[in-house]
């Protein structure tokens, strides 16, 4: 989740042109299961997911391929 938090913070800074230091994306934190988050940056909403463990990574990749659950822009496998 930490890598995804940093990536979301970087995207927010690039899109807004402002330094964003105190924003925490707790929806993608933790080391269990698959975590999903939607983050609003200006007029744009980004969707992200973090899968912990190989079993959850496999499940997320299958769901990405089938389009059955997750339709975000940025998956992370940890």
PDB file of N, CA and C in Angstrom:
ATOM      1  N   UNK A   1       0.790  -1.204   0.000  1.00  0.00           N
ATOM      2  CA  UNK A   1       0.000   0.000   0.000  1.00  0.00           C
ATOM      3  C   UNK A   1       0.827   1.261   0.000  1.00  0.00           C
ATOM      4  N   UNK A   2       2.055   1.196   0.565  1.00  0.00           N
ATOM      5  CA  UNK A   2       2.897   2.382   0.631  1.00  0.00           C
ATOM      6  C   UNK A   2       3.323   2.881  -0.738  1.00  0.00           C
ATOM      7  N   UNK A   3       3.622   1.936  -1.628  1.00  0.00           N
ATOM      8  CA  UNK A   3       4.004   2.316  -2.991  1.00  0.00           C
ATOM      9  C   UNK A   3       2.821   2.975  -3.689  1.00  0.00           C
ATOM     10  N   UNK A   4       1.626   2.416  -3.513  1.00  0.00           N
ATOM     11  CA  UNK A   4       0.431   2.988  -4.133  1.00  0.00           C
ATOM     12  C   UNK A   4       0.143   4.364  -3.555  1.00  0.00           C
ATOM     13  N   UNK A   5       0.302   4.524  -2.232  1.00  0.00           N
ATOM     14  CA  UNK A   5       0.105   5.843  -1.628  1.00  0.00           C
ATOM     15  C   UNK A   5       1.032   6.873  -2.258  1.00  0.00           C
ATOM     16  N   UNK A   6       2.305   6.511  -2.419  1.00  0.00           N
ATOM     17  CA  UNK A   6       3.278   7.427  -3.022  1.00  0.00           C
ATOM     18  C   UNK A   6       2.914   7.737  -4.466  1.00  0.00           C
ATOM     19  N   UNK A   7       2.470   6.731  -5.203  1.00  0.00           N
ATOM     20  CA  UNK A   7       2.080   6.941  -6.604  1.00  0.00           C
ATOM     21  C   UNK A   7       0.878   7.874  -6.695  1.00  0.00           C
ATOM     22  N   UNK A   8      -0.127   7.662  -5.847  1.00  0.00           N
ATOM     23  CA  UNK A   8      -1.315   8.521  -5.857  1.00  0.00           C
ATOM     24  C   UNK A   8      -0.946   9.954  -5.478  1.00  0.00           C
ATOM     25  N   UNK A   9      -0.068  10.100  -4.494  1.00  0.00           N
ATOM     26  CA  UNK A   9       0.367  11.435  -4.081  1.00  0.00           C
ATOM     27  C   UNK A   9       1.107  12.136  -5.222  1.00  0.00           C
ATOM     28  N   UNK A  10       1.963  11.391  -5.932  1.00  0.00           N
ATOM     29  CA  UNK A  10       2.705  11.964  -7.060  1.00  0.00           C
ATOM     30  C   UNK A  10       1.766  12.404  -8.172  1.00  0.00           C
ATOM     31  N   UNK A  11       0.791  11.555  -8.509  1.00  0.00           N
ATOM     32  CA  UNK A  11      -0.184  11.907  -9.548  1.00  0.00           C
ATOM     33  C   UNK A  11      -0.953  13.156  -9.138  1.00  0.00           C
ATOM     34  N   UNK A  12      -1.371  13.218  -7.873  1.00  0.00           N
ATOM     35  CA  UNK A  12      -2.108  14.386  -7.388  1.00  0.00           C
ATOM     36  C   UNK A  12      -1.265  15.651  -7.511  1.00  0.00           C
ATOM     37  N   UNK A  13       0.017  15.554  -7.174  1.00  0.00           N
ATOM     38  CA  UNK A  13       0.899  16.721  -7.270  1.00  0.00           C
ATOM     39  C   UNK A  13       1.112  17.151  -8.714  1.00  0.00           C
ATOM     40  N   UNK A  14       1.305  16.181  -9.609  1.00  0.00           N
ATOM     41  CA  UNK A  14       1.517  16.503 -11.026  1.00  0.00           C
ATOM     42  C   UNK A  14       0.271  17.155 -11.616  1.00  0.00           C
ATOM     43  N   UNK A  15      -0.897  16.598 -11.319  1.00  0.00           N
ATOM     44  CA  UNK A  15      -2.136  17.123 -11.894  1.00  0.00           C
ATOM     45  C   UNK A  15      -2.535  18.471 -11.306  1.00  0.00           C
ATOM     46  N   UNK A  16      -2.272  18.660 -10.006  1.00  0.00           N
ATOM     47  CA  UNK A  16      -2.687  19.911  -9.364  1.00  0.00           C
ATOM     48  C   UNK A  16      -1.609  20.989  -9.446  1.00  0.00           C
ATOM     49  N   UNK A  17      -0.357  20.582  -9.662  1.00  0.00           N
ATOM     50  CA  UNK A  17       0.734  21.543  -9.688  1.00  0.00           C
ATOM     51  C   UNK A  17       1.118  22.048  -8.312  1.00  0.00           C
ATOM     52  N   UNK A  18       0.616  21.373  -7.263  1.00  0.00           N
ATOM     53  CA  UNK A  18       0.898  21.787  -5.893  1.00  0.00           C
ATOM     54  C   UNK A  18       1.526  20.633  -5.126  1.00  0.00           C
ATOM     55  N   UNK A  19       2.341  20.964  -4.141  1.00  0.00           N
ATOM     56  CA  UNK A  19       2.940  19.954  -3.281  1.00  0.00           C
ATOM     57  C   UNK A  19       1.881  19.421  -2.321  1.00  0.00           C
ATOM     58  N   UNK A  20       1.757  18.111  -2.256  1.00  0.00           N
ATOM     59  CA  UNK A  20       0.768  17.480  -1.383  1.00  0.00           C
ATOM     60  C   UNK A  20       1.526  16.576  -0.421  1.00  0.00           C
ATOM     61  N   UNK A  21       1.619  17.000   0.843  1.00  0.00           N
ATOM     62  CA  UNK A  21       2.426  16.258   1.807  1.00  0.00           C
ATOM     63  C   UNK A  21       1.602  15.578   2.884  1.00  0.00           C
ATOM     64  N   UNK A  22       0.490  16.137   3.268  1.00  0.00           N
ATOM     65  CA  UNK A  22      -0.251  15.628   4.414  1.00  0.00           C
ATOM     66  C   UNK A  22      -1.442  14.758   4.051  1.00  0.00           C
ATOM     67  N   UNK A  23      -1.584  14.398   2.790  1.00  0.00           N
ATOM     68  CA  UNK A  23      -2.707  13.562   2.382  1.00  0.00           C
ATOM     69  C   UNK A  23      -2.306  12.105   2.523  1.00  0.00           C
ATOM     70  N   UNK A  24      -3.131  11.330   3.223  1.00  0.00           N
ATOM     71  CA  UNK A  24      -2.865   9.907   3.392  1.00  0.00           C
ATOM     72  C   UNK A  24      -4.012   9.123   2.767  1.00  0.00           C
ATOM     73  N   UNK A  25      -3.661   8.136   1.974  1.00  0.00           N
ATOM     74  CA  UNK A  25      -4.652   7.311   1.286  1.00  0.00           C
ATOM     75  C   UNK A  25      -4.801   5.997   2.041  1.00  0.00           C
ATOM     76  N   UNK A  26      -5.515   6.043   3.174  1.00  0.00           N
ATOM     77  CA  UNK A  26      -5.621   4.884   4.052  1.00  0.00           C
ATOM     78  C   UNK A  26      -6.414   3.737   3.433  1.00  0.00           C
ATOM     79  N   UNK A  27      -7.212   4.004   2.396  1.00  0.00           N
ATOM     80  CA  UNK A  27      -7.997   2.944   1.766  1.00  0.00           C
ATOM     81  C   UNK A  27      -7.111   1.864   1.163  1.00  0.00           C
ATOM     82  N   UNK A  28      -5.877   2.193   0.784  1.00  0.00           N
ATOM     83  CA  UNK A  28      -4.991   1.208   0.164  1.00  0.00           C
ATOM     84  C   UNK A  28      -3.954   0.666   1.142  1.00  0.00           C
ATOM     85  N   UNK A  29      -4.080   0.993   2.417  1.00  0.00           N
ATOM     86  CA  UNK A  29      -3.147   0.494   3.431  1.00  0.00           C
ATOM     87  C   UNK A  29      -3.586  -0.868   3.949  1.00  0.00           C
ATOM     88  N   UNK A  30      -2.631  -1.558   4.532  1.00  0.00           N
ATOM     89  CA  UNK A  30      -2.911  -2.846   5.144  1.00  0.00           C
ATOM     90  C   UNK A  30      -2.284  -3.978   4.352  1.00  0.00           C
ATOM     91  N   UNK A  31      -2.264  -5.147   4.952  1.00  0.00           N
ATOM     92  CA  UNK A  31      -1.608  -6.283   4.308  1.00  0.00           C
ATOM     93  C   UNK A  31      -2.543  -7.483   4.167  1.00  0.00           C
ATOM     94  N   UNK A  32      -3.810  -7.230   4.010  1.00  0.00           N
ATOM     95  CA  UNK A  32      -4.772  -8.316   3.869  1.00  0.00           C
ATOM     96  C   UNK A  32      -5.629  -8.100   2.638  1.00  0.00           C
ATOM     97  N   UNK A  33      -5.842  -9.173   1.889  1.00  0.00           N
ATOM     98  CA  UNK A  33      -6.804  -9.163   0.797  1.00  0.00           C
ATOM     99  C   UNK A  33      -6.500  -8.206  -0.328  1.00  0.00           C
ATOM    100  N   UNK A  34      -7.575  -7.683  -0.913  1.00  0.00           N
ATOM    101  CA  UNK A  34      -7.491  -6.717  -2.002  1.00  0.00           C
ATOM    102  C   UNK A  34      -8.135  -5.428  -1.513  1.00  0.00           C
ATOM    103  N   UNK A  35      -7.395  -4.362  -1.560  1.00  0.00           N
ATOM    104  CA  UNK A  35      -7.897  -3.049  -1.144  1.00  0.00           C
ATOM    105  C   UNK A  35      -8.129  -2.206  -2.388  1.00  0.00           C
ATOM    106  N   UNK A  36      -9.242  -1.491  -2.419  1.00  0.00           N
ATOM    107  CA  UNK A  36      -9.552  -0.606  -3.545  1.00  0.00           C
ATOM    108  C   UNK A  36      -9.822   0.796  -3.027  1.00  0.00           C
ATOM    109  N   UNK A  37      -9.503   1.776  -3.835  1.00  0.00           N
ATOM    110  CA  UNK A  37      -9.735   3.166  -3.442  1.00  0.00           C
ATOM    111  C   UNK A  37     -10.082   3.998  -4.660  1.00  0.00           C
ATOM    112  N   UNK A  38     -10.911   5.000  -4.450  1.00  0.00           N
ATOM    113  CA  UNK A  38     -11.178   6.030  -5.451  1.00  0.00           C
ATOM    114  C   UNK A  38     -10.694   7.341  -4.864  1.00  0.00           C
ATOM    115  N   UNK A  39      -9.885   8.059  -5.621  1.00  0.00           N
ATOM    116  CA  UNK A  39      -9.302   9.302  -5.144  1.00  0.00           C
ATOM    117  C   UNK A  39      -9.686  10.416  -6.098  1.00  0.00           C
ATOM    118  N   UNK A  40     -10.326  11.453  -5.566  1.00  0.00           N
ATOM    119  CA  UNK A  40     -10.724  12.597  -6.385  1.00  0.00           C
ATOM    120  C   UNK A  40      -9.599  13.623  -6.377  1.00  0.00           C
ATOM    121  N   UNK A  41      -9.134  13.963  -7.579  1.00  0.00           N
ATOM    122  CA  UNK A  41      -8.085  14.962  -7.751  1.00  0.00           C
ATOM    123  C   UNK A  41      -8.622  15.984  -8.738  1.00  0.00           C
ATOM    124  N   UNK A  42      -9.044  17.129  -8.223  1.00  0.00           N
ATOM    125  CA  UNK A  42      -9.691  18.120  -9.082  1.00  0.00           C
ATOM    126  C   UNK A  42     -10.966  17.534  -9.658  1.00  0.00           C
ATOM    127  N   UNK A  43     -11.102  17.550 -10.981  1.00  0.00           N
ATOM    128  CA  UNK A  43     -12.279  16.985 -11.642  1.00  0.00           C
ATOM    129  C   UNK A  43     -12.101  15.520 -11.994  1.00  0.00           C
ATOM    130  N   UNK A  44     -10.949  14.955 -11.694  1.00  0.00           N
ATOM    131  CA  UNK A  44     -10.611  13.591 -12.076  1.00  0.00           C
ATOM    132  C   UNK A  44     -10.735  12.654 -10.884  1.00  0.00           C
ATOM    133  N   UNK A  45     -11.310  11.473 -11.091  1.00  0.00           N
ATOM    134  CA  UNK A  45     -11.351  10.441 -10.066  1.00  0.00           C
ATOM    135  C   UNK A  45     -10.517   9.262 -10.537  1.00  0.00           C
ATOM    136  N   UNK A  46      -9.479   8.932  -9.761  1.00  0.00           N
ATOM    137  CA  UNK A  46      -8.622   7.792 -10.066  1.00  0.00           C
ATOM    138  C   UNK A  46      -9.023   6.610  -9.203  1.00  0.00           C
ATOM    139  N   UNK A  47      -8.995   5.427  -9.784  1.00  0.00           N
ATOM    140  CA  UNK A  47      -9.265   4.207  -9.036  1.00  0.00           C
ATOM    141  C   UNK A  47      -7.973   3.410  -8.944  1.00  0.00           C
ATOM    142  N   UNK A  48      -7.720   2.850  -7.760  1.00  0.00           N
ATOM    143  CA  UNK A  48      -6.502   2.076  -7.544  1.00  0.00           C
ATOM    144  C   UNK A  48      -6.846   0.837  -6.731  1.00  0.00           C
ATOM    145  N   UNK A  49      -6.021  -0.190  -6.856  1.00  0.00           N
ATOM    146  CA  UNK A  49      -6.197  -1.411  -6.072  1.00  0.00           C
ATOM    147  C   UNK A  49      -4.838  -1.946  -5.661  1.00  0.00           C
ATOM    148  N   UNK A  50      -4.804  -2.567  -4.475  1.00  0.00           N
ATOM    149  CA  UNK A  50      -3.595  -3.209  -3.974  1.00  0.00           C
ATOM    150  C   UNK A  50      -3.967  -4.631  -3.582  1.00  0.00           C
ATOM    151  N   UNK A  51      -3.251  -5.616  -4.137  1.00  0.00           N
ATOM    152  CA  UNK A  51      -3.465  -7.023  -3.801  1.00  0.00           C
ATOM    153  C   UNK A  51      -2.280  -7.511  -2.982  1.00  0.00           C
ATOM    154  N   UNK A  52      -2.549  -8.106  -1.832  1.00  0.00           N
ATOM    155  CA  UNK A  52      -1.493  -8.624  -0.967  1.00  0.00           C
ATOM    156  C   UNK A  52      -1.464 -10.139  -1.057  1.00  0.00           C
ATOM    157  N   UNK A  53      -0.311 -10.679  -1.412  1.00  0.00           N
ATOM    158  CA  UNK A  53      -0.142 -12.121  -1.533  1.00  0.00           C
ATOM    159  C   UNK A  53      -0.424 -12.600  -2.944  1.00  0.00           C
ATOM    160  N   UNK A  54       0.196 -13.720  -3.290  1.00  0.00           N
ATOM    161  CA  UNK A  54       0.058 -14.243  -4.652  1.00  0.00           C
ATOM    162  C   UNK A  54      -1.367 -14.663  -4.985  1.00  0.00           C
ATOM    163  N   UNK A  55      -2.078 -15.242  -4.032  1.00  0.00           N
ATOM    164  CA  UNK A  55      -3.460 -15.653  -4.285  1.00  0.00           C
ATOM    165  C   UNK A  55      -4.348 -14.469  -4.626  1.00  0.00           C
ATOM    166  N   UNK A  56      -4.204 -13.395  -3.876  1.00  0.00           N
ATOM    167  CA  UNK A  56      -4.992 -12.192  -4.143  1.00  0.00           C
ATOM    168  C   UNK A  56      -4.544 -11.498  -5.419  1.00  0.00           C
ATOM    169  N   UNK A  57      -3.235 -11.542  -5.706  1.00  0.00           N
ATOM    170  CA  UNK A  57      -2.736 -10.964  -6.962  1.00  0.00           C
ATOM    171  C   UNK A  57      -3.346 -11.705  -8.144  1.00  0.00           C
ATOM    172  N   UNK A  58      -3.374 -13.032  -8.054  1.00  0.00           N
ATOM    173  CA  UNK A  58      -3.974 -13.845  -9.127  1.00  0.00           C
ATOM    174  C   UNK A  58      -5.449 -13.492  -9.300  1.00  0.00           C
ATOM    175  N   UNK A  59      -6.169 -13.419  -8.178  1.00  0.00           N
ATOM    176  CA  UNK A  59      -7.597 -13.088  -8.227  1.00  0.00           C
ATOM    177  C   UNK A  59      -7.817 -11.720  -8.880  1.00  0.00           C
ATOM    178  N   UNK A  60      -7.013 -10.726  -8.489  1.00  0.00           N
ATOM    179  CA  UNK A  60      -7.157  -9.383  -9.053  1.00  0.00           C
ATOM    180  C   UNK A  60      -6.847  -9.382 -10.546  1.00  0.00           C
ATOM    181  N   UNK A  61      -5.789 -10.091 -10.949  1.00  0.00           N
ATOM    182  CA  UNK A  61      -5.435 -10.149 -12.374  1.00  0.00           C
ATOM    183  C   UNK A  61      -6.534 -10.811 -13.200  1.00  0.00           C
ATOM    184  N   UNK A  62      -7.133 -11.873 -12.665  1.00  0.00           N
ATOM    185  CA  UNK A  62      -8.248 -12.531 -13.367  1.00  0.00           C
ATOM    186  C   UNK A  62      -9.422 -11.572 -13.486  1.00  0.00           C
ATOM    187  N   UNK A  63      -9.739 -10.871 -12.403  1.00  0.00           N
ATOM    188  CA  UNK A  63     -10.855  -9.922 -12.435  1.00  0.00           C
ATOM    189  C   UNK A  63     -10.573  -8.756 -13.385  1.00  0.00           C
ATOM    190  N   UNK A  64      -9.314  -8.328 -13.460  1.00  0.00           N
ATOM    191  CA  UNK A  64      -8.944  -7.290 -14.431  1.00  0.00           C
ATOM    192  C   UNK A  64      -9.183  -7.784 -15.849  1.00  0.00           C
ATOM    193  N   UNK A  65      -8.748  -9.004 -16.104  1.00  0.00           N
ATOM    194  CA  UNK A  65      -8.889  -9.579 -17.443  1.00  0.00           C
ATOM    195  C   UNK A  65     -10.356  -9.745 -17.826  1.00  0.00           C
ATOM    196  N   UNK A  66     -11.168 -10.215 -16.888  1.00  0.00           N
ATOM    197  CA  UNK A  66     -12.590 -10.443 -17.156  1.00  0.00           C
ATOM    198  C   UNK A  66     -13.417  -9.160 -17.077  1.00  0.00           C
ATOM    199  N   UNK A  67     -12.874  -8.138 -16.438  1.00  0.00           N
ATOM    200  CA  UNK A  67     -13.625  -6.897 -16.250  1.00  0.00           C
ATOM    201  C   UNK A  67     -14.779  -7.068 -15.289  1.00  0.00           C
ATOM    202  N   UNK A  68     -14.681  -8.056 -14.388  1.00  0.00           N
ATOM    203  CA  UNK A  68     -15.807  -8.389 -13.524  1.00  0.00           C
ATOM    204  C   UNK A  68     -15.911  -7.565 -12.245  1.00  0.00           C
ATOM    205  N   UNK A  69     -14.821  -7.014 -11.757  1.00  0.00           N
ATOM    206  CA  UNK A  69     -14.925  -6.295 -10.490  1.00  0.00           C
ATOM    207  C   UNK A  69     -14.177  -4.978 -10.483  1.00  0.00           C
ATOM    208  N   UNK A  70     -12.979  -4.981 -10.929  1.00  0.00           N
ATOM    209  CA  UNK A  70     -12.102  -3.834 -10.757  1.00  0.00           C
ATOM    210  C   UNK A  70     -11.859  -3.162 -12.096  1.00  0.00           C
ATOM    211  N   UNK A  71     -12.061  -1.852 -12.149  1.00  0.00           N
ATOM    212  CA  UNK A  71     -11.873  -1.141 -13.414  1.00  0.00           C
ATOM    213  C   UNK A  71     -10.964   0.067 -13.233  1.00  0.00           C
ATOM    214  N   UNK A  72     -10.023  -0.042 -12.340  1.00  0.00           N
ATOM    215  CA  UNK A  72      -9.161   1.093 -12.040  1.00  0.00           C
ATOM    216  C   UNK A  72      -7.988   1.243 -12.976  1.00  0.00           C
ATOM    217  N   UNK A  73      -7.242   2.296 -12.738  1.00  0.00           N
ATOM    218  CA  UNK A  73      -6.105   2.626 -13.584  1.00  0.00           C
ATOM    219  C   UNK A  73      -4.805   2.018 -13.084  1.00  0.00           C
ATOM    220  N   UNK A  74      -4.720   1.667 -11.796  1.00  0.00           N
ATOM    221  CA  UNK A  74      -3.415   1.355 -11.228  1.00  0.00           C
ATOM    222  C   UNK A  74      -3.463   0.224 -10.206  1.00  0.00           C
ATOM    223  N   UNK A  75      -3.195  -1.012 -10.629  1.00  0.00           N
ATOM    224  CA  UNK A  75      -3.108  -2.100  -9.648  1.00  0.00           C
ATOM    225  C   UNK A  75      -1.695  -2.225  -9.085  1.00  0.00           C
ATOM    226  N   UNK A  76      -1.583  -2.625  -7.827  1.00  0.00           N
ATOM    227  CA  UNK A  76      -0.285  -2.909  -7.198  1.00  0.00           C
ATOM    228  C   UNK A  76      -0.358  -4.305  -6.608  1.00  0.00           C
ATOM    229  N   UNK A  77       0.660  -5.108  -6.849  1.00  0.00           N
ATOM    230  CA  UNK A  77       0.749  -6.438  -6.262  1.00  0.00           C
ATOM    231  C   UNK A  77       1.863  -6.404  -5.218  1.00  0.00           C
ATOM    232  N   UNK A  78       1.530  -6.757  -3.976  1.00  0.00           N
ATOM    233  CA  UNK A  78       2.548  -6.724  -2.918  1.00  0.00           C
ATOM    234  C   UNK A  78       2.675  -8.083  -2.266  1.00  0.00           C
TER     235      UNK A  78
END
